[in-house]
Protein backbone atom coordinates (compact mmCIF):
# COMPACT_ATOMS: atom_id res chain seq x y z
CA MET A 1 -3.81 28.62 7.05
CA ASN A 2 -0.20 29.04 7.26
CA PRO A 3 0.96 31.56 3.93
CA ASP A 4 4.72 30.21 4.88
CA TYR A 5 4.20 26.86 3.15
CA LYS A 6 4.17 26.71 -0.11
CA VAL A 7 2.98 24.14 -2.68
CA LYS A 8 5.71 23.32 -4.92
CA LEU A 9 5.86 20.49 -7.84
CA ILE A 10 8.48 17.58 -7.29
CA VAL A 11 8.11 16.21 -10.81
CA PRO A 12 5.98 17.80 -13.10
CA GLY A 13 4.73 15.41 -15.37
CA LYS A 14 2.89 16.21 -19.01
CA GLY A 15 0.20 13.78 -18.33
CA PRO A 16 0.09 10.29 -18.20
CA GLY A 17 2.58 8.11 -19.38
CA TYR A 18 6.10 6.43 -18.23
CA GLN A 19 9.46 8.04 -18.16
CA ASP A 20 12.06 7.31 -16.13
CA GLY A 21 15.55 9.58 -15.84
CA PRO A 22 15.34 13.77 -14.75
CA ILE A 23 11.88 14.75 -13.09
CA ASP A 24 11.63 17.12 -15.56
CA VAL A 25 10.85 14.65 -17.91
CA ALA A 26 9.69 11.54 -15.74
CA LEU A 27 6.03 10.51 -16.17
CA PHE A 28 3.22 9.06 -14.17
CA ASN A 29 -0.30 7.52 -14.83
CA TYR A 30 -2.20 7.18 -11.85
CA PRO A 31 0.19 7.74 -9.18
CA SER A 32 -1.85 7.12 -6.03
CA GLY A 33 0.35 5.53 -3.06
CA ILE A 34 3.33 7.09 -1.01
CA VAL A 35 6.12 6.83 1.51
CA TYR A 36 9.76 8.64 2.58
CA ASN A 37 11.73 6.91 3.20
CA PRO A 38 14.29 9.19 5.51
CA LYS A 39 17.78 6.54 5.03
CA ASP A 40 18.25 7.82 1.95
CA ASN A 41 15.61 11.24 1.24
CA SER A 42 13.77 9.56 -1.25
CA LEU A 43 9.84 8.89 -1.98
CA TYR A 44 8.74 5.73 -3.00
CA VAL A 45 5.63 5.76 -5.25
CA CYS A 46 3.01 3.26 -6.29
CA ASP A 47 2.15 3.97 -10.38
CA THR A 48 -0.73 2.86 -10.64
CA GLY A 49 -1.62 2.98 -14.08
CA ASN A 50 1.79 1.84 -14.94
CA HIS A 51 1.86 -1.32 -12.32
CA LYS A 52 4.98 -0.27 -11.43
CA ILE A 53 7.23 0.98 -7.87
CA ARG A 54 9.01 3.86 -9.26
CA LYS A 55 11.75 5.68 -6.97
CA ILE A 56 12.11 9.76 -6.63
CA ASP A 57 15.25 10.63 -5.43
CA LEU A 58 15.45 14.29 -3.90
CA LYS A 59 19.11 14.67 -3.14
CA GLU A 60 19.38 14.10 -7.08
CA LYS A 61 16.12 14.83 -8.59
CA LYS A 62 15.79 11.45 -10.42
CA VAL A 63 13.13 8.57 -11.35
CA THR A 64 13.66 5.45 -11.34
CA THR A 65 11.77 2.17 -11.75
CA ILE A 66 12.73 0.22 -8.53
CA ALA A 67 9.97 -2.73 -9.64
CA GLY A 68 7.65 -3.69 -12.05
CA LYS A 69 8.90 -5.27 -15.70
CA LYS A 70 10.27 -1.46 -17.35
CA LYS A 71 8.46 -1.90 -20.71
CA THR A 72 6.17 1.19 -21.58
CA ASP A 73 4.04 -1.29 -22.83
CA CYS A 74 3.82 -3.97 -20.22
CA PRO A 75 0.45 -5.61 -18.60
CA SER A 76 -0.35 -5.62 -15.45
CA GLY A 77 -0.31 -9.42 -14.09
CA PHE A 78 1.22 -11.09 -11.37
CA LEU A 79 4.96 -12.57 -10.89
CA ASN A 80 7.62 -12.32 -8.11
CA GLY A 81 11.57 -12.37 -8.65
CA ASP A 82 13.59 -9.64 -8.99
CA GLY A 83 12.27 -5.85 -9.35
CA SER A 84 13.23 -5.76 -13.01
CA GLU A 85 10.79 -8.80 -14.12
CA ALA A 86 7.72 -8.59 -11.47
CA LEU A 87 4.41 -7.76 -12.82
CA PHE A 88 2.06 -6.35 -10.10
CA CYS A 89 -1.76 -5.46 -11.42
CA PHE A 90 -2.64 -1.83 -10.48
CA PRO A 91 -1.05 -1.19 -7.08
CA GLN A 92 -2.29 1.48 -4.58
CA ALA A 93 -0.41 1.77 -1.98
CA LEU A 94 2.64 1.49 0.34
CA ALA A 95 4.09 1.21 3.76
CA LEU A 96 7.48 0.70 4.78
CA ASN A 97 9.61 -0.46 7.28
CA GLY A 98 13.50 -0.92 7.83
CA SER A 99 14.45 -2.22 4.36
CA ASN A 100 10.96 -3.89 3.22
CA LEU A 101 8.93 -1.69 1.55
CA TYR A 102 4.97 -3.31 1.48
CA VAL A 103 2.94 -3.14 -0.95
CA CYS A 104 -1.60 -2.92 -2.01
CA ASP A 105 -1.53 -4.97 -4.47
CA THR A 106 -5.02 -4.40 -5.39
CA LEU A 107 -5.94 -6.76 -8.11
CA ASN A 108 -4.09 -9.09 -7.77
CA ASP A 109 -5.63 -9.09 -3.72
CA LYS A 110 -2.67 -9.88 -2.13
CA ILE A 111 -0.16 -7.69 0.14
CA ARG A 112 3.76 -7.84 -1.53
CA VAL A 113 6.76 -6.98 0.09
CA ILE A 114 10.28 -5.63 -1.48
CA SER A 115 13.27 -5.94 -0.46
CA LEU A 116 14.82 -2.77 -0.67
CA SER A 117 18.06 -3.94 -2.02
CA ASP A 118 20.45 -4.10 -5.07
CA ARG A 119 18.09 -6.00 -7.00
CA PHE A 120 14.73 -5.29 -5.08
CA PRO A 121 13.75 -8.63 -5.40
CA VAL A 122 9.51 -8.92 -5.07
CA THR A 123 7.98 -11.96 -2.70
CA THR A 124 4.16 -12.34 -2.24
CA LEU A 125 3.37 -11.95 1.24
CA ALA A 126 -0.12 -12.97 1.88
CA GLY A 127 -2.92 -13.66 -0.60
CA THR A 128 -4.18 -16.17 -3.02
CA ASP A 129 -7.23 -15.70 -4.74
CA ARG A 130 -9.71 -13.52 -4.85
CA GLY A 131 -12.49 -13.62 -1.95
CA PHE A 132 -12.64 -14.07 2.15
CA ALA A 133 -10.20 -16.40 4.11
CA ASP A 134 -8.68 -15.59 7.67
CA GLY A 135 -5.44 -18.15 8.33
CA ASP A 136 -1.89 -19.09 7.50
CA ILE A 137 -0.47 -16.54 5.09
CA SER A 138 -0.56 -19.11 2.51
CA THR A 139 -4.34 -19.26 2.08
CA ALA A 140 -5.42 -16.34 3.12
CA LYS A 141 -7.44 -14.27 1.20
CA PHE A 142 -8.19 -10.39 0.17
CA ASN A 143 -10.90 -8.95 -1.72
CA TYR A 144 -9.22 -4.94 -3.59
CA PRO A 145 -6.97 -4.28 -0.54
CA GLN A 146 -6.36 -0.39 -0.04
CA SER A 147 -4.43 0.64 2.51
CA ILE A 148 -1.54 -0.38 4.43
CA ALA A 149 -0.07 0.39 7.54
CA VAL A 150 3.14 -1.11 9.95
CA ILE A 151 3.72 -1.00 13.21
CA SER A 152 6.18 -2.74 16.03
CA VAL A 153 4.72 -4.09 18.99
CA ASP A 154 7.35 -5.73 21.34
CA ASP A 155 9.64 -6.48 18.91
CA LYS A 156 7.33 -8.22 16.39
CA GLU A 157 6.16 -6.53 13.34
CA GLU A 158 2.06 -6.24 12.75
CA ILE A 159 0.65 -5.16 9.21
CA TYR A 160 -2.69 -3.80 9.06
CA VAL A 161 -4.86 -3.55 5.51
CA CYS A 162 -8.02 -2.28 4.74
CA ASP A 163 -9.40 -4.88 2.91
CA GLY A 164 -11.90 -2.33 0.74
CA HIS A 165 -14.47 -4.45 -0.92
CA ASN A 166 -14.38 -7.07 2.06
CA HIS A 167 -15.35 -4.40 4.59
CA ARG A 168 -12.65 -5.22 6.93
CA ILE A 169 -9.73 -4.43 8.45
CA ARG A 170 -7.31 -7.35 8.56
CA LYS A 171 -3.63 -7.58 10.70
CA ILE A 172 -1.29 -9.54 9.37
CA SER A 173 1.61 -11.45 11.85
CA ASN A 174 3.48 -14.25 13.31
CA GLY A 175 2.73 -15.45 9.45
CA LYS A 176 -0.92 -15.13 10.35
CA VAL A 177 -4.00 -13.15 9.04
CA GLU A 178 -6.97 -11.62 11.23
CA THR A 179 -9.99 -9.83 10.85
CA PHE A 180 -8.83 -7.10 13.52
CA ALA A 181 -12.03 -5.36 12.85
CA GLY A 182 -15.44 -5.11 10.58
CA SER A 183 -17.85 -8.07 11.10
CA GLY A 184 -17.77 -8.28 6.76
CA THR A 185 -21.76 -6.59 6.41
CA ILE A 186 -21.92 -2.93 4.56
CA GLY A 187 -23.18 -0.08 6.58
CA ASN A 188 -22.24 2.23 9.66
CA LYS A 189 -22.46 0.15 13.03
CA GLU A 190 -20.05 0.96 15.95
CA GLY A 191 -19.12 -1.02 19.20
CA ASP A 192 -16.74 -4.03 19.27
CA ALA A 193 -14.56 -4.16 16.89
CA ASN A 194 -15.37 -8.27 15.59
CA GLN A 195 -19.69 -6.17 15.66
CA CYS A 196 -18.83 -2.78 13.95
CA SER A 197 -19.04 -2.33 10.10
CA PHE A 198 -17.49 -0.62 7.15
CA ASN A 199 -18.60 0.06 3.85
CA TYR A 200 -15.36 0.50 1.37
CA PRO A 201 -12.99 1.47 4.02
CA HIS A 202 -9.41 3.26 2.40
CA GLY A 203 -7.18 5.01 4.19
CA ILE A 204 -5.57 3.51 7.49
CA ALA A 205 -3.05 5.57 10.06
CA ILE A 206 -1.99 4.36 13.34
CA SER A 207 -0.60 7.25 15.76
CA SER A 208 2.47 5.97 18.48
CA GLU A 209 0.02 5.01 20.90
CA HIS A 210 -1.38 2.35 18.36
CA VAL A 211 -4.67 3.79 17.81
CA PHE A 212 -5.95 3.25 14.51
CA TYR A 213 -8.00 6.32 11.74
CA LEU A 214 -9.56 5.27 9.03
CA CYS A 215 -11.03 6.37 6.01
CA ASP A 216 -14.67 4.54 5.97
CA ASN A 217 -14.91 6.06 2.28
CA TRP A 218 -18.15 5.11 1.43
CA ASN A 219 -19.96 6.06 4.20
CA HIS A 220 -17.77 9.66 4.31
CA LYS A 221 -17.15 8.98 7.87
CA ILE A 222 -13.02 8.84 9.53
CA ARG A 223 -13.17 6.77 12.57
CA LYS A 224 -11.70 5.22 15.01
CA ILE A 225 -10.41 2.01 16.79
CA ALA A 226 -9.03 1.87 20.14
CA PHE A 227 -8.52 -0.49 23.27
CA GLU A 228 -10.86 0.49 25.52
């Protein structure tokens, strides 16, 4: 343990709630996903219980809502459009690539995209109804997507999603969704990616060598996927 590192509050909060403003008065409700943007020294947060995506400006020490209706009594839902009008349902994870912020909109069973421009427009990248289906992004289905990571391969973007209740790792690229790993059967089997099994995978990280590390949640294990 390194005593030179200190743990400090960024947004102290005073219990669950919803409020924008200076960090000493801002409130969150079960925040669960976070990503750092080095371009503007800010944090983007899935404010899961408020069904919103929030921004913490670390320089200005201020919290704002970039997507999700700002009314405190706004119910969850699904709606694309400008950030101030868009609706989410328990978003849980974020990934940032350039000016695109990708969101696991978990209970909507969709992958959403927020463009980090003036009005923060929100669109749906993939996902229709709850279920399982590979194929074109317009017809693919997810079931509780809970973690997301983005990499670039040969200047092409690849998005990987822990599709929790489908017990699979899914890949989104070139307008298609495919199963990257997992048979869909609950289990703990190792081996080839199309035959292995998971038990509610709920976390993903990818190294610069494109080695995949997974939190296999209900198996209580950390798993690895690598080319051999």
